[in-house]
């Protein structure tokens, strides 16, 4: 608890703070700790209406706040889509939190992510692949537009939190979906973390130390990168003579930071292949080369200059070859050739295809006007736009939702929503499995 107190003292908090509280053990403990510390707390509770206990939880948190003299702000979500429910719910939660930040002129949003969450996030990103910043896990403090998100419970494990709640006698509710093996994070939580804790009960503190060191390296490197950027990148033009003098590692990082400028909200569109393509063009003997990146960002090499052109930019438009796992706006879409996997999964998260039935390579792109899919177990075809509306996807999500096609632009799969008639029965011959998993992207949780 000493670490938590030192963190709170360092924030120099003046005014109200918003606390995201679901009614679960972590957030109930956080609410108690911040109130006991003497902060002017506003409890923000979201009823997602996804479980029978939701209304009961809403009333419990509300009554707890009344009894403990805490301002309560609650909202209910209705008609969430049946697909990507977690993603849409998260967006709506943070929209609600932002309204409270503005209403109370607050500078801080507190969330109840703890030490186990840090371990899970780091493991997820190490296995999936990320950047140095991603491998570091999530930040204890994240700077947002006009406020900070603070996660003070990272110094504690779930077990420590539960023990404290038992001592305090504070009631809480458990979300049964956290026990499901459907999500990779849950599998790490149930099967990997217990093994790590058998080796060292305080292993979360070692992961926290790793996080801080990795973040320090990232921050230092970024400081140097931005110094170089200020010297050689101006008005969308990179000076290649100066760039050529840099170490290869710094070249890579500098290019990634430049790219970030043009993809502030959709960096997921860029992968290592795009960076390597730029580096190859820069080092090429050819004096003039043009490259089109996702989202129609045009890059031109003209002798010793690299020009970034965004004039014809189309919002969130992407199309890339799908021959490996790809992180998309809605999660990870896996390309699997081991047909022994997912034998029992009949959901719309998995499709099995025979490569003889399609034109390779496969692609992942977002929706285009006029898109239609021949839906499995249906006569004829149906407009993709109508399928999105039927599934109550928001306009923003419809615009960026990934679709799997073959090289002839035949739609094979709308991940998590619909399979095409190309889906092969499990007892027939197939050599490609496409699996959709919703997990956090490489961003703050």
Protein backbone atom coordinates (compact mmCIF):
# COMPACT_ATOMS: atom_id res chain seq x y z
CA UNK A 1 0.00 0.00 0.00
CA UNK A 2 2.98 2.29 0.53
CA UNK A 3 3.65 2.36 -3.23
CA UNK A 4 0.04 3.36 -3.88
CA UNK A 5 0.22 6.21 -1.36
CA UNK A 6 3.48 7.47 -2.86
CA UNK A 7 1.93 7.42 -6.33
CA UNK A 8 -1.14 9.35 -5.17
CA UNK A 9 1.03 11.92 -3.40
CA UNK A 10 3.08 12.46 -6.55
CA UNK A 11 -0.03 13.37 -8.57
CA UNK A 12 -0.79 16.52 -6.55
CA UNK A 13 -4.51 15.98 -7.02
CA UNK A 14 -6.75 19.02 -6.64
CA UNK A 15 -10.44 18.55 -7.31
CA UNK A 16 -12.64 15.58 -8.08
CA UNK A 17 -11.39 12.30 -9.54
CA UNK A 18 -13.42 9.87 -11.63
CA UNK A 19 -13.22 6.18 -10.64
CA UNK A 20 -14.35 3.48 -13.06
CA UNK A 21 -16.21 0.99 -10.87
CA UNK A 22 -17.92 -2.12 -12.21
CA UNK A 23 -18.84 -3.61 -8.84
CA UNK A 24 -16.15 -6.28 -9.19
CA UNK A 25 -13.54 -6.86 -6.47
CA UNK A 26 -10.76 -4.78 -8.07
CA UNK A 27 -12.81 -1.65 -8.67
CA UNK A 28 -14.64 -1.87 -5.32
CA UNK A 29 -11.26 -2.02 -3.58
CA UNK A 30 -9.99 0.91 -5.65
CA UNK A 31 -13.07 2.96 -4.74
CA UNK A 32 -12.48 2.22 -1.06
CA UNK A 33 -8.74 3.03 -1.20
CA UNK A 34 -9.22 6.38 -2.93
CA UNK A 35 -12.03 7.39 -0.57
CA UNK A 36 -9.94 6.43 2.47
CA UNK A 37 -7.03 8.41 1.09
CA UNK A 38 -9.25 11.47 1.25
CA UNK A 39 -9.85 12.11 -2.44
CA UNK A 40 -13.07 13.71 -3.69
CA UNK A 41 -14.35 10.69 -5.58
CA UNK A 42 -16.96 10.38 -8.33
CA UNK A 43 -17.95 6.75 -8.97
CA UNK A 44 -18.60 5.99 -12.65
CA UNK A 45 -20.59 2.78 -13.18
CA UNK A 46 -21.71 1.31 -16.51
CA UNK A 47 -24.48 -1.28 -16.70
CA UNK A 48 -23.87 -3.18 -19.94
CA UNK A 49 -27.10 -5.19 -19.60
CA UNK A 50 -25.27 -8.33 -20.75
CA UNK A 51 -25.81 -10.46 -17.65
CA UNK A 52 -28.74 -11.10 -15.32
CA UNK A 53 -26.77 -9.65 -12.40
CA UNK A 54 -26.18 -6.30 -14.15
CA UNK A 55 -29.14 -4.45 -12.64
CA UNK A 56 -28.39 -5.85 -9.19
CA UNK A 57 -24.77 -4.72 -9.50
CA UNK A 58 -25.87 -1.26 -10.61
CA UNK A 59 -28.09 -0.86 -7.55
CA UNK A 60 -25.43 -2.24 -5.22
CA UNK A 61 -22.74 0.19 -6.38
CA UNK A 62 -25.22 3.06 -6.24
CA UNK A 63 -26.28 2.21 -2.67
CA UNK A 64 -22.66 1.69 -1.59
CA UNK A 65 -21.91 5.22 -2.78
CA UNK A 66 -24.90 6.68 -0.93
CA UNK A 67 -23.84 4.98 2.32
CA UNK A 68 -20.21 6.10 1.93
CA UNK A 69 -20.99 9.66 0.78
CA UNK A 70 -19.57 9.17 -2.72
CA UNK A 71 -21.00 10.87 -5.79
CA UNK A 72 -22.52 8.21 -8.06
CA UNK A 73 -22.82 8.53 -11.83
CA UNK A 74 -24.33 5.60 -13.66
CA UNK A 75 -25.36 4.84 -17.20
CA UNK A 76 -26.88 1.89 -19.03
CA UNK A 77 -25.93 0.51 -22.42
CA UNK A 78 -28.63 -1.00 -24.60
CA UNK A 79 -28.67 -2.88 -27.90
CA UNK A 80 -24.98 -3.68 -27.95
CA UNK A 81 -24.05 -5.63 -31.10
CA UNK A 82 -23.83 -9.40 -30.84
CA UNK A 83 -20.35 -9.30 -32.39
CA UNK A 84 -17.35 -7.41 -31.00
CA UNK A 85 -19.44 -6.66 -27.95
CA UNK A 86 -16.38 -6.04 -25.78
CA UNK A 87 -14.86 -3.60 -28.25
CA UNK A 88 -18.03 -1.53 -28.67
CA UNK A 89 -18.73 -1.60 -24.93
CA UNK A 90 -15.22 -0.34 -24.21
CA UNK A 91 -15.67 2.56 -26.63
CA UNK A 92 -18.96 3.52 -25.01
CA UNK A 93 -17.50 3.23 -21.50
CA UNK A 94 -14.70 5.64 -22.27
CA UNK A 95 -17.13 8.03 -23.96
CA UNK A 96 -19.10 8.04 -20.69
CA UNK A 97 -15.95 8.56 -18.61
CA UNK A 98 -14.98 11.52 -20.81
CA UNK A 99 -18.38 13.17 -20.26
CA UNK A 100 -17.78 12.92 -16.50
CA UNK A 101 -14.24 14.29 -16.84
CA UNK A 102 -15.75 17.32 -18.57
CA UNK A 103 -18.75 17.61 -16.23
CA UNK A 104 -16.64 17.70 -13.06
CA UNK A 105 -13.63 19.43 -14.63
CA UNK A 106 -11.53 16.50 -13.46
CA UNK A 107 -7.94 15.77 -14.44
CA UNK A 108 -7.88 12.10 -13.43
CA UNK A 109 -9.65 8.87 -14.32
CA UNK A 110 -8.72 5.92 -12.08
CA UNK A 111 -9.07 2.33 -13.25
CA UNK A 112 -8.54 -0.88 -11.30
CA UNK A 113 -5.92 -2.69 -13.42
CA UNK A 114 -3.64 -4.60 -11.06
CA UNK A 115 -0.36 -6.51 -11.07
CA UNK A 116 -1.84 -9.67 -12.60
CA UNK A 117 -3.23 -7.59 -15.46
CA UNK A 118 0.27 -6.27 -16.13
CA UNK A 119 1.71 -9.79 -16.31
CA UNK A 120 -1.06 -10.92 -18.69
CA UNK A 121 -0.62 -7.93 -20.98
CA UNK A 122 3.15 -8.34 -21.25
CA UNK A 123 2.82 -12.07 -21.96
CA UNK A 124 0.15 -11.44 -24.60
CA UNK A 125 2.31 -8.96 -26.45
CA UNK A 126 5.50 -10.99 -26.18
CA UNK A 127 3.77 -13.99 -27.73
CA UNK A 128 1.85 -12.05 -30.36
CA UNK A 129 4.63 -9.65 -31.30
CA UNK A 130 4.74 -5.91 -30.73
CA UNK A 131 7.09 -2.94 -30.41
CA UNK A 132 9.34 -2.00 -27.48
CA UNK A 133 6.55 0.20 -26.16
CA UNK A 134 4.04 -2.63 -26.50
CA UNK A 135 6.31 -5.18 -24.86
CA UNK A 136 6.51 -2.89 -21.83
CA UNK A 137 2.83 -3.54 -21.07
CA UNK A 138 0.48 -0.72 -20.11
CA UNK A 139 1.53 2.50 -18.41
CA UNK A 140 0.71 3.20 -14.78
CA UNK A 141 -0.23 6.70 -15.92
CA UNK A 142 -1.48 7.39 -19.44
CA UNK A 143 -1.72 10.93 -20.74
CA UNK A 144 -5.00 11.59 -22.55
CA UNK A 145 -6.50 14.73 -24.04
CA UNK A 146 -6.86 16.92 -20.97
CA UNK A 147 -6.67 14.21 -18.31
CA UNK A 148 -4.64 11.24 -17.03
CA UNK A 149 -5.69 7.62 -16.66
CA UNK A 150 -4.13 6.28 -13.45
CA UNK A 151 -3.77 2.60 -12.47
CA UNK A 152 -2.53 2.56 -8.85
CA UNK A 153 -3.30 -1.11 -8.12
CA UNK A 154 -0.45 -2.43 -10.32
CA UNK A 155 1.55 -2.93 -7.13
CA UNK A 156 -0.94 -5.54 -5.90
CA UNK A 157 -2.02 -8.98 -7.10
CA UNK A 158 -5.59 -10.15 -7.43
CA UNK A 159 -5.10 -12.41 -4.41
CA UNK A 160 -3.90 -9.50 -2.27
CA UNK A 161 -6.91 -7.43 -3.30
CA UNK A 162 -9.32 -10.27 -2.46
CA UNK A 163 -7.69 -10.73 0.94
CA UNK A 164 -8.05 -7.02 1.75
CA UNK A 165 -11.72 -7.07 0.72
CA UNK A 166 -12.40 -10.01 3.01
CA UNK A 167 -10.80 -8.14 5.91
CA UNK A 168 -12.79 -4.99 5.11
CA UNK A 169 -16.02 -6.91 4.60
CA UNK A 170 -16.76 -5.15 1.32
CA UNK A 171 -19.18 -6.96 -0.95
CA UNK A 172 -18.35 -7.39 -4.65
CA UNK A 173 -19.61 -9.22 -7.72
CA UNK A 174 -17.67 -11.66 -9.89
CA UNK A 175 -18.03 -11.60 -13.68
CA UNK A 176 -18.39 -15.23 -14.80
CA UNK A 177 -17.16 -14.39 -18.33
CA UNK A 178 -13.68 -13.94 -16.86
CA UNK A 179 -13.58 -17.70 -16.30
CA UNK A 180 -14.22 -18.59 -19.95
CA UNK A 181 -11.38 -20.05 -22.02
CA UNK A 182 -12.63 -18.26 -25.13
CA UNK A 183 -10.22 -15.34 -24.73
CA UNK A 184 -6.46 -15.78 -24.70
CA UNK A 185 -6.08 -13.42 -21.73
CA UNK A 186 -8.31 -15.68 -19.63
CA UNK A 187 -6.22 -18.70 -20.54
CA UNK A 188 -3.05 -16.95 -19.38
CA UNK A 189 -4.86 -15.97 -16.18
CA UNK A 190 -6.05 -19.49 -15.41
CA UNK A 191 -3.12 -21.64 -16.54
CA UNK A 192 0.09 -19.58 -16.81
CA UNK A 193 -0.04 -17.13 -13.91
CA UNK A 194 -0.44 -19.85 -11.24
CA UNK A 195 2.77 -21.49 -12.47
CA UNK A 196 4.68 -18.20 -12.35
CA UNK A 197 3.40 -17.50 -8.85
CA UNK A 198 4.48 -20.93 -7.67
CA UNK A 199 8.03 -19.90 -8.59
CA UNK A 200 7.73 -16.49 -6.92
CA UNK A 201 4.64 -15.17 -5.15
CA UNK A 202 5.84 -11.62 -5.90
CA UNK A 203 6.51 -12.25 -9.57
CA UNK A 204 4.19 -9.32 -10.43
CA UNK A 205 6.78 -6.95 -8.95
CA UNK A 206 9.45 -8.38 -11.26
CA UNK A 207 7.16 -7.84 -14.23
CA UNK A 208 6.54 -4.32 -12.97
CA UNK A 209 10.30 -3.73 -12.81
CA UNK A 210 10.60 -5.08 -16.36
CA UNK A 211 7.82 -2.70 -17.43
CA UNK A 212 9.56 0.31 -15.92
CA UNK A 213 12.94 -0.54 -17.46
CA UNK A 214 11.47 -1.24 -20.92
CA UNK A 215 9.47 1.98 -20.73
CA UNK A 216 12.58 3.92 -19.71
CA UNK A 217 14.50 2.54 -22.70
CA UNK A 218 11.61 3.42 -24.99
CA UNK A 219 11.35 6.95 -23.59
CA UNK A 220 15.11 7.53 -23.93
CA UNK A 221 15.21 6.22 -27.49
CA UNK A 222 12.18 8.32 -28.40
CA UNK A 223 13.88 11.42 -27.02
CA UNK A 224 16.84 10.83 -29.35
CA UNK A 225 14.55 9.99 -32.26
CA UNK A 226 12.62 13.23 -31.88
CA UNK A 227 15.87 15.17 -31.80
CA UNK A 228 16.81 13.63 -35.15
CA UNK A 229 13.31 14.25 -36.49
CA UNK A 230 13.53 17.92 -35.64
CA UNK A 231 16.78 18.13 -37.60
CA UNK A 232 15.89 16.15 -40.73
CA UNK A 233 12.08 15.97 -41.10
CA UNK A 234 10.18 19.13 -41.97
CA UNK A 235 6.96 19.91 -43.82
CA UNK A 236 6.34 16.23 -44.74
CA UNK A 237 9.86 15.86 -46.21
CA UNK A 238 12.67 13.63 -44.86
CA UNK A 239 16.28 14.58 -45.68
CA UNK A 240 17.80 11.28 -46.80
CA UNK A 241 21.41 12.54 -46.69
CA UNK A 242 21.11 13.09 -42.96
CA UNK A 243 18.97 10.00 -42.49
CA UNK A 244 21.64 7.83 -44.13
CA UNK A 245 24.14 8.74 -41.38
CA UNK A 246 21.99 7.21 -38.65
CA UNK A 247 22.33 3.78 -37.06
CA UNK A 248 19.96 1.21 -38.62
CA UNK A 249 18.08 0.80 -35.34
CA UNK A 250 17.43 4.56 -35.11
CA UNK A 251 16.42 4.66 -38.77
CA UNK A 252 13.72 2.10 -38.11
CA UNK A 253 12.43 3.91 -35.04
CA UNK A 254 12.50 7.32 -36.73
CA UNK A 255 10.48 6.03 -39.68
CA UNK A 256 7.94 4.52 -37.30
CA UNK A 257 7.53 7.83 -35.47
CA UNK A 258 7.07 9.67 -38.76
CA UNK A 259 4.46 7.09 -39.80
CA UNK A 260 2.65 7.63 -36.50
CA UNK A 261 1.97 11.23 -37.58
CA UNK A 262 -0.11 10.03 -40.51
CA UNK A 263 -1.90 7.26 -38.61
CA UNK A 264 -2.87 8.88 -35.28
CA UNK A 265 -5.93 6.67 -34.75
CA UNK A 266 -5.23 3.68 -36.99
CA UNK A 267 -1.60 2.68 -36.58
CA UNK A 268 -2.78 -0.94 -36.76
CA UNK A 269 -2.80 -0.51 -40.57
CA UNK A 270 1.01 -0.41 -40.60
CA UNK A 271 3.13 -3.53 -40.13
CA UNK A 272 6.82 -4.43 -40.41
CA UNK A 273 6.45 -5.07 -44.15
CA UNK A 274 5.48 -1.43 -44.72
CA UNK A 275 8.50 -0.16 -42.79
CA UNK A 276 10.81 -2.57 -44.61
CA UNK A 277 9.37 -1.42 -47.94
CA UNK A 278 10.22 2.20 -47.09
CA UNK A 279 13.75 1.29 -45.95
CA UNK A 280 14.30 -0.73 -49.12
CA UNK A 281 13.20 2.22 -51.27
CA UNK A 282 15.47 4.60 -49.35
CA UNK A 283 18.55 2.40 -49.83
CA UNK A 284 17.75 1.57 -53.46
CA UNK A 285 20.02 2.87 -56.24
CA UNK A 286 16.93 4.07 -58.06
CA UNK A 287 16.59 7.85 -57.64
CA UNK A 288 12.80 7.94 -58.02
CA UNK A 289 10.43 5.50 -56.33
CA UNK A 290 6.76 5.80 -55.34
CA UNK A 291 5.04 3.76 -52.63
CA UNK A 292 1.39 3.74 -51.58
CA UNK A 293 0.85 2.83 -47.93
CA UNK A 294 -2.48 1.75 -46.40
CA UNK A 295 -5.06 4.52 -46.16
CA UNK A 296 -3.72 5.88 -49.49
CA UNK A 297 -0.73 7.63 -47.93
CA UNK A 298 1.68 8.22 -50.81
CA UNK A 299 5.45 8.28 -50.26
CA UNK A 300 7.82 9.47 -52.99
CA UNK A 301 11.58 9.17 -53.07
CA UNK A 302 13.18 11.81 -55.25
CA UNK A 303 16.97 11.60 -55.08
CA UNK A 304 17.90 12.66 -51.53
CA UNK A 305 14.38 13.53 -50.32
CA UNK A 306 11.45 11.40 -49.13
CA UNK A 307 8.05 13.07 -49.53
CA UNK A 308 4.90 12.06 -47.63
CA UNK A 309 1.73 13.05 -49.50
CA UNK A 310 -1.69 12.88 -47.79
CA UNK A 311 -3.81 14.91 -50.21
CA UNK A 312 -5.74 11.93 -51.55
CA UNK A 313 -6.08 10.26 -48.17
CA UNK A 314 -9.25 8.21 -47.71
CA UNK A 315 -10.29 7.65 -44.12
CA UNK A 316 -9.56 4.21 -42.76
CA UNK A 317 -9.22 2.53 -46.17
CA UNK A 318 -6.97 -0.54 -46.12
CA UNK A 319 -6.25 -3.71 -48.05
CA UNK A 320 -3.36 -6.04 -47.28
CA UNK A 321 -2.26 -9.57 -48.04
CA UNK A 322 -3.41 -12.09 -45.46
CA UNK A 323 -0.88 -14.91 -45.13
CA UNK A 324 -0.05 -14.52 -41.44
CA UNK A 325 -1.78 -13.43 -38.24
CA UNK A 326 -2.91 -9.82 -38.53
CA UNK A 327 -4.00 -7.38 -35.84
CA UNK A 328 -7.04 -5.46 -37.09
CA UNK A 329 -9.33 -2.78 -35.61
CA UNK A 330 -11.48 -5.51 -34.04
CA UNK A 331 -8.78 -7.88 -32.82
CA UNK A 332 -6.53 -10.60 -34.24
CA UNK A 333 -7.40 -12.64 -37.33
CA UNK A 334 -5.27 -15.77 -37.43
CA UNK A 335 -4.09 -17.60 -40.56
CA UNK A 336 -3.72 -21.26 -39.58
CA UNK A 337 -2.51 -24.21 -41.63
CA UNK A 338 -2.57 -26.75 -38.80
CA UNK A 339 -5.97 -28.36 -39.47
CA UNK A 340 -5.88 -30.25 -36.17
CA UNK A 341 -6.75 -27.04 -34.34
CA UNK A 342 -10.24 -25.80 -33.46
CA UNK A 343 -11.87 -29.12 -34.29
CA UNK A 344 -14.95 -28.42 -32.19
CA UNK A 345 -15.43 -24.73 -32.91
CA UNK A 346 -18.54 -24.23 -35.06
CA UNK A 347 -18.98 -20.55 -34.25
CA UNK A 348 -18.74 -17.61 -36.63
CA UNK A 349 -15.27 -16.98 -35.22
CA UNK A 350 -13.82 -19.83 -37.30
CA UNK A 351 -14.02 -20.71 -40.98
CA UNK A 352 -12.35 -23.63 -42.73
CA UNK A 353 -11.54 -23.37 -46.44
CA UNK A 354 -9.89 -25.43 -49.14
CA UNK A 355 -7.24 -23.43 -50.98
CA UNK A 356 -8.39 -25.12 -54.22
CA UNK A 357 -11.70 -23.24 -53.92
CA UNK A 358 -10.15 -19.75 -53.77
CA UNK A 359 -7.61 -17.61 -55.57
CA UNK A 360 -4.61 -17.02 -53.32
CA UNK A 361 -3.30 -14.91 -51.71
CA UNK A 362 -6.09 -13.99 -49.36
CA UNK A 363 -6.66 -10.36 -48.40
CA UNK A 364 -8.03 -8.44 -45.45
CA UNK A 365 -9.70 -5.14 -46.25
CA UNK A 366 -12.57 -2.98 -45.10
CA UNK A 367 -15.98 -2.66 -46.74
CA UNK A 368 -16.49 -1.20 -50.19
CA UNK A 369 -19.71 0.04 -51.75
CA UNK A 370 -21.68 -2.80 -53.29
CA UNK A 371 -19.94 -5.59 -51.36
CA UNK A 372 -21.97 -8.80 -51.23
CA UNK A 373 -21.34 -12.20 -49.65
CA UNK A 374 -22.85 -15.58 -50.48
CA UNK A 375 -23.80 -16.51 -46.94
CA UNK A 376 -23.56 -20.11 -45.81
CA UNK A 377 -26.97 -21.81 -45.50
CA UNK A 378 -28.70 -18.98 -47.38
CA UNK A 379 -29.94 -18.72 -50.94
CA UNK A 380 -28.30 -16.04 -53.05
CA UNK A 381 -26.14 -13.28 -51.62
CA UNK A 382 -26.57 -10.43 -49.16
CA UNK A 383 -25.11 -6.94 -48.97
CA UNK A 384 -22.36 -6.60 -46.40
CA UNK A 385 -23.73 -3.19 -45.39
CA UNK A 386 -27.10 -4.81 -44.54
CA UNK A 387 -25.35 -7.50 -42.48
CA UNK A 388 -23.53 -4.81 -40.50
CA UNK A 389 -26.78 -2.96 -39.84
CA UNK A 390 -28.55 -6.19 -38.82
CA UNK A 391 -25.77 -6.77 -36.29
CA UNK A 392 -26.12 -3.21 -34.93
CA UNK A 393 -22.57 -2.14 -35.66
CA UNK A 394 -21.92 1.56 -35.25
CA UNK A 395 -21.15 3.62 -38.34
CA UNK A 396 -17.55 4.01 -37.18
CA UNK A 397 -17.11 0.25 -36.75
CA UNK A 398 -18.79 -0.50 -40.09
CA UNK A 399 -16.24 1.71 -41.86
CA UNK A 400 -13.21 -0.09 -40.44
CA UNK A 401 -14.51 -3.66 -39.98
CA UNK A 402 -12.20 -6.21 -41.66
CA UNK A 403 -13.43 -8.55 -44.39
CA UNK A 404 -11.52 -11.58 -45.69
CA UNK A 405 -11.46 -11.99 -49.49
CA UNK A 406 -9.52 -14.01 -52.00
CA UNK A 407 -7.34 -12.46 -54.68
CA UNK A 408 -10.34 -12.21 -57.04
CA UNK A 409 -12.15 -10.11 -54.42
CA UNK A 410 -14.65 -12.84 -53.52
CA UNK A 411 -15.73 -12.33 -49.91
CA UNK A 412 -14.93 -15.44 -47.87
CA UNK A 413 -15.52 -14.38 -44.28
CA UNK A 414 -16.81 -11.53 -42.15
CA UNK A 415 -14.97 -12.43 -38.92
CA UNK A 416 -17.26 -13.07 -35.99
CA UNK A 417 -20.37 -12.38 -38.06
CA UNK A 418 -20.90 -14.46 -41.21
CA UNK A 419 -19.24 -17.27 -43.14
CA UNK A 420 -19.52 -17.65 -46.89
CA UNK A 421 -20.56 -20.81 -48.71
CA UNK A 422 -16.85 -21.58 -49.05
CA UNK A 423 -16.83 -22.78 -45.42
CA UNK A 424 -15.92 -26.49 -45.44
CA UNK A 425 -17.51 -28.99 -43.08
CA UNK A 426 -15.18 -30.31 -40.41
CA UNK A 427 -15.35 -33.85 -41.82
CA UNK A 428 -14.37 -32.70 -45.34
CA UNK A 429 -11.02 -31.67 -46.82
CA UNK A 430 -9.61 -28.24 -45.95
CA UNK A 431 -6.12 -26.84 -45.50
CA UNK A 432 -6.65 -23.30 -44.16
CA UNK A 433 -8.37 -22.23 -40.96
CA UNK A 434 -9.17 -18.57 -40.31
CA UNK A 435 -9.74 -17.79 -36.65
CA UNK A 436 -10.93 -14.50 -35.20
CA UNK A 437 -10.01 -13.57 -31.62
CA UNK A 438 -10.97 -10.32 -29.97
CA UNK A 439 -8.20 -9.17 -27.70
CA UNK A 440 -6.73 -5.78 -26.90
CA UNK A 441 -4.59 -4.28 -29.59
CA UNK A 442 -1.21 -2.88 -28.70
CA UNK A 443 -2.65 0.04 -26.86
CA UNK A 444 -3.63 0.93 -23.32
CA UNK A 445 -6.20 -1.37 -21.76
